[in-house]
Amino acid sequence: MIGLEHYIIVSCLLFSIGFFGVLLRKNTLVIYMCLELMLNASNLALVAFSRYNGGMGGNVFVFFIITVAAAEVAVGLAIIVALFRKRQTVEVEELNTLKN
C-alpha cells in the first residue's frame, strides 16, 4: 500500500534534485528546468497532503500554482531568449553583469 510517506519521499527527492541542479549547473535553461522541477515537487506534496486529509485545499493551491507557473514559463523563456540574442550565450558565468 502506498501511503503519504511514499509521496513525501518522492517529493523531497525531486525537490533535492532540483535544488542541487540550480546550485551546480551553469546553463540557464537547465537551471530553469530545475526550478520547475522544484515547483512540481511542491505540487506533489500539496496534492499528497490534500489526499491524506480528505480535503480539497491542497488541490486548489495546486491549480493556482500551475497557473502562475504557466505565466512564469512564458516570461522566463522570453528573458532567456532575449539574453541569448544580446550575449550569444546562455552560460551563467558569462551573464554575471547587467551592464550593456
Protein backbone atom coordinates (compact mmCIF):
# COMPACT_ATOMS: atom_id res chain seq x y z
CA MET A 1 0.00 0.00 0.00
CA ILE A 2 1.33 3.38 -0.97
CA GLY A 3 1.00 5.85 1.89
CA LEU A 4 1.61 9.52 2.47
CA GLU A 5 5.25 8.94 3.42
CA HIS A 6 5.98 7.49 -0.03
CA TYR A 7 4.65 10.60 -1.77
CA ILE A 8 6.60 12.87 0.58
CA ILE A 9 9.81 10.91 -0.01
CA VAL A 10 9.40 11.23 -3.78
CA SER A 11 8.56 14.92 -3.40
CA CYS A 12 11.67 15.52 -1.24
CA LEU A 13 13.81 13.60 -3.71
CA LEU A 14 12.54 15.64 -6.66
CA PHE A 15 12.98 18.88 -4.74
CA SER A 16 16.54 17.91 -3.79
CA ILE A 17 17.43 17.06 -7.38
CA GLY A 18 16.06 20.43 -8.49
CA PHE A 19 17.81 22.30 -5.69
CA PHE A 20 21.20 20.79 -6.40
CA GLY A 21 20.65 21.30 -10.12
CA VAL A 22 20.14 25.02 -9.50
CA LEU A 23 23.28 25.19 -7.37
CA LEU A 24 25.57 23.14 -9.60
CA ARG A 25 24.57 23.83 -13.20
CA LYS A 26 25.82 26.71 -15.33
CA ASN A 27 23.33 26.66 -18.20
CA THR A 28 20.35 28.96 -17.65
CA LEU A 29 17.94 26.61 -19.40
CA VAL A 30 18.94 23.71 -17.14
CA ILE A 31 18.65 25.96 -14.07
CA TYR A 32 15.20 26.99 -15.23
CA MET A 33 14.15 23.34 -15.67
CA CYS A 34 15.45 22.58 -12.17
CA LEU A 35 13.36 25.43 -10.76
CA GLU A 36 10.31 23.96 -12.46
CA LEU A 37 11.17 20.56 -11.01
CA MET A 38 11.23 22.10 -7.53
CA LEU A 39 7.84 23.71 -8.19
CA ASN A 40 6.37 20.38 -9.30
CA ALA A 41 7.80 18.66 -6.22
CA SER A 42 5.93 21.11 -4.03
CA ASN A 43 2.77 20.46 -6.07
CA LEU A 44 3.16 16.73 -5.46
CA ALA A 45 3.47 17.31 -1.71
CA LEU A 46 0.41 19.56 -1.66
CA VAL A 47 -1.70 17.01 -3.54
CA ALA A 48 -0.47 14.21 -1.28
CA PHE A 49 -1.37 16.15 1.88
CA SER A 50 -4.72 17.08 0.39
CA ARG A 51 -5.49 13.45 -0.40
CA TYR A 52 -4.35 12.35 3.05
CA ASN A 53 -6.53 14.92 4.82
CA GLY A 54 -9.53 14.32 2.56
CA GLY A 55 -9.96 18.00 1.71
CA MET A 56 -9.65 19.98 -1.50
CA GLY A 57 -7.49 22.84 -0.16
CA GLY A 58 -4.22 21.45 -1.49
CA ASN A 59 -5.72 20.80 -4.90
CA VAL A 60 -6.94 24.40 -5.13
CA PHE A 61 -3.45 25.65 -4.30
CA VAL A 62 -2.01 23.38 -6.97
CA PHE A 63 -4.30 24.87 -9.62
CA PHE A 64 -3.16 28.37 -8.67
CA ILE A 65 0.49 27.28 -8.70
CA ILE A 66 0.11 25.69 -12.14
CA THR A 67 -1.47 28.90 -13.45
CA VAL A 68 1.37 31.01 -12.08
CA ALA A 69 3.91 28.50 -13.44
CA ALA A 70 2.45 28.82 -16.95
CA ALA A 71 2.92 32.58 -16.84
CA GLU A 72 6.39 32.10 -15.37
CA VAL A 73 7.38 29.83 -18.25
CA ALA A 74 6.36 32.42 -20.83
CA VAL A 75 8.21 35.26 -19.10
CA GLY A 76 11.26 33.19 -18.13
CA LEU A 77 11.80 31.77 -21.60
CA ALA A 78 11.35 35.23 -23.12
CA ILE A 79 14.07 36.58 -20.82
CA ILE A 80 16.40 33.70 -21.66
CA VAL A 81 15.83 34.21 -25.41
CA ALA A 82 16.48 37.96 -25.04
CA LEU A 83 19.70 37.28 -23.12
CA PHE A 84 20.83 34.82 -25.76
CA ARG A 85 20.17 37.31 -28.55
CA LYS A 86 22.08 40.02 -26.70
CA ARG A 87 25.07 37.99 -25.44
CA GLN A 88 25.06 34.90 -27.72
CA THR A 89 25.34 32.59 -24.71
CA VAL A 90 23.18 31.05 -22.01
CA GLU A 91 26.01 30.29 -19.58
CA VAL A 92 25.52 31.90 -16.17
CA GLU A 93 29.22 32.68 -15.75
CA GLU A 94 29.13 34.98 -18.77
CA LEU A 95 25.83 36.66 -17.84
CA ASN A 96 27.03 37.98 -14.47
CA THR A 97 26.88 41.68 -15.33
CA LEU A 98 23.78 43.73 -16.05
CA LYS A 99 25.69 46.44 -17.90
CA ASN A 100 25.03 47.00 -21.63
